[in-house]
């Protein structure tokens, strides 16, 4: 029974998917912070044009 428990890798796969999802979330947050001020300036310029 202990050997079966040690050989199982189901949890490792779930952790890997969790780490991938966390990395994607960090990339999205970084992109929003990097582009946020530029988008704000752009939309304010569009709003001022009307």
PDB file of N, CA and C in Angstrom:
ATOM      1  N   UNK A   1       0.829  -1.201   0.000  1.00  0.00           N
ATOM      2  CA  UNK A   1       0.000   0.000   0.000  1.00  0.00           C
ATOM      3  C   UNK A   1       0.869   1.259   0.000  1.00  0.00           C
ATOM      4  N   UNK A   2       1.945   1.249   0.765  1.00  0.00           N
ATOM      5  CA  UNK A   2       2.835   2.408   0.813  1.00  0.00           C
ATOM      6  C   UNK A   2       3.527   2.620  -0.535  1.00  0.00           C
ATOM      7  N   UNK A   3       3.900   1.536  -1.204  1.00  0.00           N
ATOM      8  CA  UNK A   3       4.540   1.654  -2.514  1.00  0.00           C
ATOM      9  C   UNK A   3       3.593   2.277  -3.530  1.00  0.00           C
ATOM     10  N   UNK A   4       2.319   1.885  -3.497  1.00  0.00           N
ATOM     11  CA  UNK A   4       1.337   2.478  -4.410  1.00  0.00           C
ATOM     12  C   UNK A   4       1.193   3.975  -4.151  1.00  0.00           C
ATOM     13  N   UNK A   5       1.178   4.342  -2.874  1.00  0.00           N
ATOM     14  CA  UNK A   5       1.029   5.748  -2.502  1.00  0.00           C
ATOM     15  C   UNK A   5       2.213   6.572  -3.004  1.00  0.00           C
ATOM     16  N   UNK A   6       3.404   6.025  -2.889  1.00  0.00           N
ATOM     17  CA  UNK A   6       4.605   6.757  -3.307  1.00  0.00           C
ATOM     18  C   UNK A   6       4.655   6.898  -4.825  1.00  0.00           C
ATOM     19  N   UNK A   7       4.187   5.888  -5.554  1.00  0.00           N
ATOM     20  CA  UNK A   7       4.253   5.919  -7.012  1.00  0.00           C
ATOM     21  C   UNK A   7       3.186   6.807  -7.653  1.00  0.00           C
ATOM     22  N   UNK A   8       2.150   7.157  -6.939  1.00  0.00           N
ATOM     23  CA  UNK A   8       1.085   7.978  -7.519  1.00  0.00           C
ATOM     24  C   UNK A   8       1.609   9.380  -7.783  1.00  0.00           C
ATOM     25  N   UNK A   9       1.238   9.928  -8.923  1.00  0.00           N
ATOM     26  CA  UNK A   9       1.668  11.291  -9.260  1.00  0.00           C
ATOM     27  C   UNK A   9       0.493  12.184  -9.654  1.00  0.00           C
ATOM     28  N   UNK A  10      -0.702  11.824  -9.260  1.00  0.00           N
ATOM     29  CA  UNK A  10      -1.876  12.639  -9.588  1.00  0.00           C
ATOM     30  C   UNK A  10      -1.774  14.034  -8.982  1.00  0.00           C
ATOM     31  N   UNK A  11      -1.335  14.115  -7.748  1.00  0.00           N
ATOM     32  CA  UNK A  11      -1.219  15.411  -7.079  1.00  0.00           C
ATOM     33  C   UNK A  11      -0.191  16.302  -7.728  1.00  0.00           C
ATOM     34  N   UNK A  12       0.896  15.704  -8.209  1.00  0.00           N
ATOM     35  CA  UNK A  12       1.942  16.494  -8.865  1.00  0.00           C
ATOM     36  C   UNK A  12       1.397  17.159 -10.125  1.00  0.00           C
ATOM     37  N   UNK A  13       0.571  16.453 -10.874  1.00  0.00           N
ATOM     38  CA  UNK A  13      -0.009  17.033 -12.080  1.00  0.00           C
ATOM     39  C   UNK A  13      -0.921  18.197 -11.737  1.00  0.00           C
ATOM     40  N   UNK A  14      -1.706  18.046 -10.688  1.00  0.00           N
ATOM     41  CA  UNK A  14      -2.599  19.131 -10.278  1.00  0.00           C
ATOM     42  C   UNK A  14      -1.795  20.350  -9.833  1.00  0.00           C
ATOM     43  N   UNK A  15      -0.705  20.117  -9.133  1.00  0.00           N
ATOM     44  CA  UNK A  15       0.137  21.236  -8.696  1.00  0.00           C
ATOM     45  C   UNK A  15       0.764  21.934  -9.905  1.00  0.00           C
ATOM     46  N   UNK A  16       1.189  21.165 -10.888  1.00  0.00           N
ATOM     47  CA  UNK A  16       1.770  21.766 -12.092  1.00  0.00           C
ATOM     48  C   UNK A  16       0.753  22.632 -12.821  1.00  0.00           C
ATOM     49  N   UNK A  17      -0.476  22.143 -12.949  1.00  0.00           N
ATOM     50  CA  UNK A  17      -1.511  22.958 -13.589  1.00  0.00           C
ATOM     51  C   UNK A  17      -1.807  24.213 -12.768  1.00  0.00           C
ATOM     52  N   UNK A  18      -1.775  24.097 -11.476  1.00  0.00           N
ATOM     53  CA  UNK A  18      -1.973  25.261 -10.617  1.00  0.00           C
ATOM     54  C   UNK A  18      -0.883  26.293 -10.800  1.00  0.00           C
ATOM     55  N   UNK A  19       0.359  25.831 -10.921  1.00  0.00           N
ATOM     56  CA  UNK A  19       1.472  26.754 -11.139  1.00  0.00           C
ATOM     57  C   UNK A  19       1.381  27.433 -12.507  1.00  0.00           C
ATOM     58  N   UNK A  20       0.947  26.685 -13.503  1.00  0.00           N
ATOM     59  CA  UNK A  20       0.766  27.282 -14.834  1.00  0.00           C
ATOM     60  C   UNK A  20      -0.316  28.355 -14.796  1.00  0.00           C
ATOM     61  N   UNK A  21      -1.429  28.052 -14.133  1.00  0.00           N
ATOM     62  CA  UNK A  21      -2.520  29.029 -14.018  1.00  0.00           C
ATOM     63  C   UNK A  21      -2.063  30.268 -13.254  1.00  0.00           C
ATOM     64  N   UNK A  22      -1.280  30.073 -12.206  1.00  0.00           N
ATOM     65  CA  UNK A  22      -0.776  31.213 -11.438  1.00  0.00           C
ATOM     66  C   UNK A  22       0.164  32.060 -12.291  1.00  0.00           C
ATOM     67  N   UNK A  23       0.996  31.422 -13.094  1.00  0.00           N
ATOM     68  CA  UNK A  23       1.902  32.163 -13.972  1.00  0.00           C
ATOM     69  C   UNK A  23       1.152  32.977 -15.007  1.00  0.00           C
ATOM     70  N   UNK A  24       0.102  32.404 -15.563  1.00  0.00           N
ATOM     71  CA  UNK A  24      -0.718  33.132 -16.534  1.00  0.00           C
ATOM     72  C   UNK A  24      -1.403  34.318 -15.866  1.00  0.00           C
ATOM     73  N   UNK A  25      -1.897  34.117 -14.646  1.00  0.00           N
ATOM     74  CA  UNK A  25      -2.552  35.207 -13.918  1.00  0.00           C
ATOM     75  C   UNK A  25      -1.573  36.341 -13.644  1.00  0.00           C
ATOM     76  N   UNK A  26      -0.355  36.015 -13.274  1.00  0.00           N
ATOM     77  CA  UNK A  26       0.658  37.043 -13.017  1.00  0.00           C
ATOM     78  C   UNK A  26       0.973  37.798 -14.305  1.00  0.00           C
ATOM     79  N   UNK A  27       1.057  37.096 -15.415  1.00  0.00           N
ATOM     80  CA  UNK A  27       1.326  37.755 -16.695  1.00  0.00           C
ATOM     81  C   UNK A  27       0.196  38.698 -17.076  1.00  0.00           C
ATOM     82  N   UNK A  28      -1.041  38.299 -16.832  1.00  0.00           N
ATOM     83  CA  UNK A  28      -2.188  39.164 -17.150  1.00  0.00           C
ATOM     84  C   UNK A  28      -2.167  40.416 -16.287  1.00  0.00           C
ATOM     85  N   UNK A  29      -1.907  40.252 -15.004  1.00  0.00           N
ATOM     86  CA  UNK A  29      -1.858  41.411 -14.095  1.00  0.00           C
ATOM     87  C   UNK A  29      -0.733  42.358 -14.511  1.00  0.00           C
ATOM     88  N   UNK A  30       0.413  41.807 -14.866  1.00  0.00           N
ATOM     89  CA  UNK A  30       1.535  42.653 -15.298  1.00  0.00           C
ATOM     90  C   UNK A  30       1.189  43.412 -16.570  1.00  0.00           C
ATOM     91  N   UNK A  31       0.518  42.761 -17.499  1.00  0.00           N
ATOM     92  CA  UNK A  31       0.131  43.428 -18.742  1.00  0.00           C
ATOM     93  C   UNK A  31      -0.874  44.545 -18.482  1.00  0.00           C
ATOM     94  N   UNK A  32      -1.814  44.299 -17.584  1.00  0.00           N
ATOM     95  CA  UNK A  32      -2.808  45.335 -17.265  1.00  0.00           C
ATOM     96  C   UNK A  32      -2.133  46.539 -16.625  1.00  0.00           C
ATOM     97  N   UNK A  33      -1.198  46.294 -15.702  1.00  0.00           N
ATOM     98  CA  UNK A  33      -0.500  47.419 -15.087  1.00  0.00           C
ATOM     99  C   UNK A  33       0.372  48.156 -16.099  1.00  0.00           C
ATOM    100  N   UNK A  34       0.988  47.436 -17.016  1.00  0.00           N
ATOM    101  CA  UNK A  34       1.863  48.075 -17.998  1.00  0.00           C
ATOM    102  C   UNK A  34       1.073  48.892 -19.018  1.00  0.00           C
ATOM    103  N   UNK A  35      -0.079  48.400 -19.422  1.00  0.00           N
ATOM    104  CA  UNK A  35      -0.859  49.077 -20.457  1.00  0.00           C
ATOM    105  C   UNK A  35      -1.982  49.939 -19.908  1.00  0.00           C
ATOM    106  N   UNK A  36      -2.248  49.839 -18.633  1.00  0.00           N
ATOM    107  CA  UNK A  36      -3.386  50.541 -18.042  1.00  0.00           C
ATOM    108  C   UNK A  36      -3.348  52.039 -18.236  1.00  0.00           C
ATOM    109  N   UNK A  37      -2.214  52.656 -17.950  1.00  0.00           N
ATOM    110  CA  UNK A  37      -2.132  54.115 -18.067  1.00  0.00           C
ATOM    111  C   UNK A  37      -2.200  54.551 -19.524  1.00  0.00           C
ATOM    112  N   UNK A  38      -1.612  53.776 -20.429  1.00  0.00           N
ATOM    113  CA  UNK A  38      -1.670  54.116 -21.852  1.00  0.00           C
ATOM    114  C   UNK A  38      -3.097  54.023 -22.376  1.00  0.00           C
ATOM    115  N   UNK A  39      -3.825  53.004 -21.946  1.00  0.00           N
ATOM    116  CA  UNK A  39      -5.220  52.882 -22.368  1.00  0.00           C
ATOM    117  C   UNK A  39      -6.066  54.007 -21.801  1.00  0.00           C
ATOM    118  N   UNK A  40      -5.782  54.405 -20.586  1.00  0.00           N
ATOM    119  CA  UNK A  40      -6.512  55.512 -19.969  1.00  0.00           C
ATOM    120  C   UNK A  40      -6.302  56.803 -20.764  1.00  0.00           C
ATOM    121  N   UNK A  41      -5.082  57.075 -21.155  1.00  0.00           N
ATOM    122  CA  UNK A  41      -4.783  58.267 -21.955  1.00  0.00           C
ATOM    123  C   UNK A  41      -5.495  58.182 -23.301  1.00  0.00           C
ATOM    124  N   UNK A  42      -5.470  57.022 -23.926  1.00  0.00           N
ATOM    125  CA  UNK A  42      -6.120  56.835 -25.226  1.00  0.00           C
ATOM    126  C   UNK A  42      -7.624  57.087 -25.132  1.00  0.00           C
ATOM    127  N   UNK A  43      -8.279  56.475 -24.147  1.00  0.00           N
ATOM    128  CA  UNK A  43      -9.722  56.642 -24.044  1.00  0.00           C
ATOM    129  C   UNK A  43     -10.107  58.056 -23.621  1.00  0.00           C
ATOM    130  N   UNK A  44      -9.281  58.716 -22.845  1.00  0.00           N
ATOM    131  CA  UNK A  44      -9.555  60.109 -22.509  1.00  0.00           C
ATOM    132  C   UNK A  44      -9.435  60.995 -23.749  1.00  0.00           C
ATOM    133  N   UNK A  45      -8.499  60.681 -24.626  1.00  0.00           N
ATOM    134  CA  UNK A  45      -8.356  61.444 -25.879  1.00  0.00           C
ATOM    135  C   UNK A  45      -9.574  61.209 -26.780  1.00  0.00           C
ATOM    136  N   UNK A  46     -10.054  59.982 -26.829  1.00  0.00           N
ATOM    137  CA  UNK A  46     -11.240  59.698 -27.621  1.00  0.00           C
ATOM    138  C   UNK A  46     -12.453  60.425 -27.037  1.00  0.00           C
ATOM    139  N   UNK A  47     -12.571  60.412 -25.722  1.00  0.00           N
ATOM    140  CA  UNK A  47     -13.671  61.098 -25.068  1.00  0.00           C
ATOM    141  C   UNK A  47     -13.612  62.613 -25.308  1.00  0.00           C
ATOM    142  N   UNK A  48     -12.410  63.168 -25.286  1.00  0.00           N
ATOM    143  CA  UNK A  48     -12.264  64.615 -25.527  1.00  0.00           C
ATOM    144  C   UNK A  48     -12.593  64.988 -26.957  1.00  0.00           C
ATOM    145  N   UNK A  49     -12.455  64.050 -27.877  1.00  0.00           N
ATOM    146  CA  UNK A  49     -12.740  64.352 -29.279  1.00  0.00           C
ATOM    147  C   UNK A  49     -14.234  64.517 -29.522  1.00  0.00           C
ATOM    148  N   UNK A  50     -15.049  63.968 -28.654  1.00  0.00           N
ATOM    149  CA  UNK A  50     -16.491  64.106 -28.827  1.00  0.00           C
ATOM    150  C   UNK A  50     -16.936  65.273 -28.085  1.00  0.00           C
TER     151      UNK A  50
END
